[in-house]
Amino acid sequence: MNTATFHALADPQRFQMVELLRREPLTVGEIAVRLNMRQPQTSKHLRVLSDAGIIDVQASANRRICHLRPEAFQELDDWLARYRQLWQERFDNLDDYLQKLQEPQPQDAPSTESGDIS
């Protein structure tokens, strides 16, 4: 997992672009219109996403069609899986501890001191 992926997704506008592309491939112009951005600004952000390996851009006549690369998200998911496992273990341990706290505690046995005079 490289830091370029995180850097690319950290920008809110690029993140919005990824969200749009999650639904369907779009042209640069369609992305610009939907996000109310100028096309040069859109292209600049798309270049960062492309350089990070998050999207592919295919030329089709005079249009450039952008689509997500599943490999980038598989890498991200693989990286996150290690943390999911860590937190699942911690939650399991917490669950065990909370269940142990809820178990009835044995009452102390009554004292059998022989302090009584019979």
C-alpha atoms as a PDB file:
ATOM      1  CA  MET A   1       0.000   0.000   0.000  1.00  0.00           C
ATOM      2  CA  ASN A   2       1.549   3.267  -1.026  1.00  0.00           C
ATOM      3  CA  THR A   3       0.915   6.654   0.500  1.00  0.00           C
ATOM      4  CA  ALA A   4      -0.115   8.101  -2.882  1.00  0.00           C
ATOM      5  CA  THR A   5      -3.479   6.368  -2.504  1.00  0.00           C
ATOM      6  CA  PHE A   6      -4.119   8.011   0.851  1.00  0.00           C
ATOM      7  CA  HIS A   7      -2.896  11.370  -0.413  1.00  0.00           C
ATOM      8  CA  ALA A   8      -5.171  11.167  -3.445  1.00  0.00           C
ATOM      9  CA  LEU A   9      -8.240  10.197  -1.421  1.00  0.00           C
ATOM     10  CA  ALA A  10      -7.573  12.751   1.323  1.00  0.00           C
ATOM     11  CA  ASP A  11      -8.699  15.648  -0.856  1.00  0.00           C
ATOM     12  CA  PRO A  12     -12.487  16.136  -0.555  1.00  0.00           C
ATOM     13  CA  GLN A  13     -12.958  16.912  -4.255  1.00  0.00           C
ATOM     14  CA  ARG A  14     -11.030  13.835  -5.349  1.00  0.00           C
ATOM     15  CA  PHE A  15     -12.969  11.760  -2.850  1.00  0.00           C
ATOM     16  CA  GLN A  16     -16.215  13.071  -4.396  1.00  0.00           C
ATOM     17  CA  MET A  17     -14.911  12.105  -7.837  1.00  0.00           C
ATOM     18  CA  VAL A  18     -14.269   8.565  -6.632  1.00  0.00           C
ATOM     19  CA  GLU A  19     -17.786   8.444  -5.196  1.00  0.00           C
ATOM     20  CA  LEU A  20     -19.215   9.504  -8.560  1.00  0.00           C
ATOM     21  CA  LEU A  21     -17.133   6.924 -10.401  1.00  0.00           C
ATOM     22  CA  ARG A  22     -18.233   4.241  -7.953  1.00  0.00           C
ATOM     23  CA  ARG A  23     -21.650   4.361  -9.600  1.00  0.00           C
ATOM     24  CA  GLU A  24     -20.528   4.446 -13.242  1.00  0.00           C
ATOM     25  CA  PRO A  25     -17.707   5.494 -15.567  1.00  0.00           C
ATOM     26  CA  LEU A  26     -17.927   9.177 -16.519  1.00  0.00           C
ATOM     27  CA  THR A  27     -16.224  11.564 -18.885  1.00  0.00           C
ATOM     28  CA  VAL A  28     -14.071  14.386 -17.564  1.00  0.00           C
ATOM     29  CA  GLY A  29     -16.765  16.836 -18.645  1.00  0.00           C
ATOM     30  CA  GLU A  30     -19.524  14.945 -16.834  1.00  0.00           C
ATOM     31  CA  ILE A  31     -17.474  14.904 -13.634  1.00  0.00           C
ATOM     32  CA  ALA A  32     -16.809  18.644 -13.943  1.00  0.00           C
ATOM     33  CA  VAL A  33     -20.508  19.411 -14.404  1.00  0.00           C
ATOM     34  CA  ARG A  34     -21.685  17.159 -11.568  1.00  0.00           C
ATOM     35  CA  LEU A  35     -19.169  18.659  -9.135  1.00  0.00           C
ATOM     36  CA  ASN A  36     -19.597  22.214 -10.431  1.00  0.00           C
ATOM     37  CA  MET A  37     -15.888  22.517 -11.259  1.00  0.00           C
ATOM     38  CA  ARG A  38     -13.982  23.936 -14.189  1.00  0.00           C
ATOM     39  CA  GLN A  39     -12.618  21.299 -16.547  1.00  0.00           C
ATOM     40  CA  PRO A  40      -8.902  22.191 -16.011  1.00  0.00           C
ATOM     41  CA  GLN A  41      -9.337  21.852 -12.249  1.00  0.00           C
ATOM     42  CA  THR A  42     -11.169  18.560 -12.744  1.00  0.00           C
ATOM     43  CA  SER A  43      -8.422  17.255 -15.020  1.00  0.00           C
ATOM     44  CA  LYS A  44      -5.773  18.183 -12.451  1.00  0.00           C
ATOM     45  CA  HIS A  45      -7.550  16.168  -9.744  1.00  0.00           C
ATOM     46  CA  LEU A  46      -8.147  13.258 -12.087  1.00  0.00           C
ATOM     47  CA  ARG A  47      -4.432  13.217 -12.916  1.00  0.00           C
ATOM     48  CA  VAL A  48      -3.617  12.761  -9.218  1.00  0.00           C
ATOM     49  CA  LEU A  49      -6.135   9.900  -8.993  1.00  0.00           C
ATOM     50  CA  SER A  50      -4.676   8.329 -12.127  1.00  0.00           C
ATOM     51  CA  ASP A  51      -1.075   8.673 -10.915  1.00  0.00           C
ATOM     52  CA  ALA A  52      -2.089   6.981  -7.656  1.00  0.00           C
ATOM     53  CA  GLY A  53      -3.547   4.073  -9.636  1.00  0.00           C
ATOM     54  CA  ILE A  54      -7.089   4.707  -8.428  1.00  0.00           C
ATOM     55  CA  ILE A  55      -8.610   5.431 -11.842  1.00  0.00           C
ATOM     56  CA  ASP A  56      -7.934   4.675 -15.486  1.00  0.00           C
ATOM     57  CA  VAL A  57      -8.693   7.185 -18.200  1.00  0.00           C
ATOM     58  CA  GLN A  58      -9.501   5.868 -21.660  1.00  0.00           C
ATOM     59  CA  ALA A  59      -9.640   8.031 -24.754  1.00  0.00           C
ATOM     60  CA  SER A  60     -12.721   7.570 -26.899  1.00  0.00           C
ATOM     61  CA  ALA A  61     -12.788   9.959 -29.871  1.00  0.00           C
ATOM     62  CA  ASN A  62     -12.532  13.398 -28.282  1.00  0.00           C
ATOM     63  CA  ARG A  63     -13.745  12.242 -24.875  1.00  0.00           C
ATOM     64  CA  ARG A  64     -11.796  10.856 -21.943  1.00  0.00           C
ATOM     65  CA  ILE A  65     -13.739   8.294 -19.941  1.00  0.00           C
ATOM     66  CA  CYS A  66     -12.728   7.696 -16.336  1.00  0.00           C
ATOM     67  CA  HIS A  67     -13.385   4.533 -14.370  1.00  0.00           C
ATOM     68  CA  LEU A  68     -12.202   3.098 -11.070  1.00  0.00           C
ATOM     69  CA  ARG A  69      -9.463   0.488 -10.905  1.00  0.00           C
ATOM     70  CA  PRO A  70     -10.581  -2.335  -8.590  1.00  0.00           C
ATOM     71  CA  GLU A  71      -6.962  -3.291  -7.874  1.00  0.00           C
ATOM     72  CA  ALA A  72      -6.390  -0.051  -5.956  1.00  0.00           C
ATOM     73  CA  PHE A  73      -9.317  -0.789  -3.692  1.00  0.00           C
ATOM     74  CA  GLN A  74      -8.267  -4.399  -3.214  1.00  0.00           C
ATOM     75  CA  GLU A  75      -4.869  -3.162  -1.998  1.00  0.00           C
ATOM     76  CA  LEU A  76      -6.608  -0.742   0.350  1.00  0.00           C
ATOM     77  CA  ASP A  77      -8.906  -3.485   1.618  1.00  0.00           C
ATOM     78  CA  ASP A  78      -5.934  -5.840   2.164  1.00  0.00           C
ATOM     79  CA  TRP A  79      -4.184  -3.146   4.196  1.00  0.00           C
ATOM     80  CA  LEU A  80      -7.314  -2.457   6.248  1.00  0.00           C
ATOM     81  CA  ALA A  81      -7.869  -6.183   6.868  1.00  0.00           C
ATOM     82  CA  ARG A  82      -4.943  -6.261   9.289  1.00  0.00           C
ATOM     83  CA  TYR A  83      -6.578  -3.544  11.356  1.00  0.00           C
ATOM     84  CA  ARG A  84     -10.003  -5.165  11.150  1.00  0.00           C
ATOM     85  CA  GLN A  85      -8.499  -8.335  12.607  1.00  0.00           C
ATOM     86  CA  LEU A  86      -6.761  -6.409  15.396  1.00  0.00           C
ATOM     87  CA  TRP A  87      -9.935  -4.563  16.376  1.00  0.00           C
ATOM     88  CA  GLN A  88     -12.072  -7.691  16.117  1.00  0.00           C
ATOM     89  CA  GLU A  89      -9.740  -9.421  18.580  1.00  0.00           C
ATOM     90  CA  ARG A  90      -9.938  -6.441  20.928  1.00  0.00           C
ATOM     91  CA  PHE A  91     -13.735  -6.345  20.722  1.00  0.00           C
ATOM     92  CA  ASP A  92     -13.885 -10.092  21.357  1.00  0.00           C
ATOM     93  CA  ASN A  93     -11.681  -9.651  24.439  1.00  0.00           C
ATOM     94  CA  LEU A  94     -13.879  -6.802  25.653  1.00  0.00           C
ATOM     95  CA  ASP A  95     -16.998  -8.899  25.096  1.00  0.00           C
ATOM     96  CA  ASP A  96     -15.464 -11.766  27.112  1.00  0.00           C
ATOM     97  CA  TYR A  97     -14.545  -9.366  29.917  1.00  0.00           C
ATOM     98  CA  LEU A  98     -18.027  -7.811  30.011  1.00  0.00           C
ATOM     99  CA  GLN A  99     -19.656 -11.242  30.103  1.00  0.00           C
ATOM    100  CA  LYS A 100     -17.376 -12.236  32.956  1.00  0.00           C
ATOM    101  CA  LEU A 101     -18.416  -9.122  34.876  1.00  0.00           C
ATOM    102  CA  GLN A 102     -22.080 -10.056  34.455  1.00  0.00           C
ATOM    103  CA  GLU A 103     -21.656 -13.570  35.842  1.00  0.00           C
ATOM    104  CA  PRO A 104     -23.075 -13.968  39.328  1.00  0.00           C
ATOM    105  CA  GLN A 105     -20.342 -13.805  41.892  1.00  0.00           C
ATOM    106  CA  PRO A 106     -20.344 -16.518  44.597  1.00  0.00           C
ATOM    107  CA  GLN A 107     -21.371 -15.153  47.978  1.00  0.00           C
ATOM    108  CA  ASP A 108     -18.824 -15.372  50.747  1.00  0.00           C
ATOM    109  CA  ALA A 109     -19.546 -18.332  53.033  1.00  0.00           C
ATOM    110  CA  PRO A 110     -20.797 -17.369  56.513  1.00  0.00           C
ATOM    111  CA  SER A 111     -18.047 -17.081  59.059  1.00  0.00           C
ATOM    112  CA  THR A 112     -17.636 -20.132  61.298  1.00  0.00           C
ATOM    113  CA  GLU A 113     -15.657 -18.501  64.007  1.00  0.00           C
ATOM    114  CA  SER A 114     -16.087 -20.141  67.373  1.00  0.00           C
ATOM    115  CA  GLY A 115     -16.598 -16.943  69.277  1.00  0.00           C
ATOM    116  CA  ASP A 116     -19.920 -18.091  70.657  1.00  0.00           C
ATOM    117  CA  ILE A 117     -20.038 -19.333  74.183  1.00  0.00           C
ATOM    118  CA  SER A 118     -22.304 -22.286  74.586  1.00  0.00           C
END
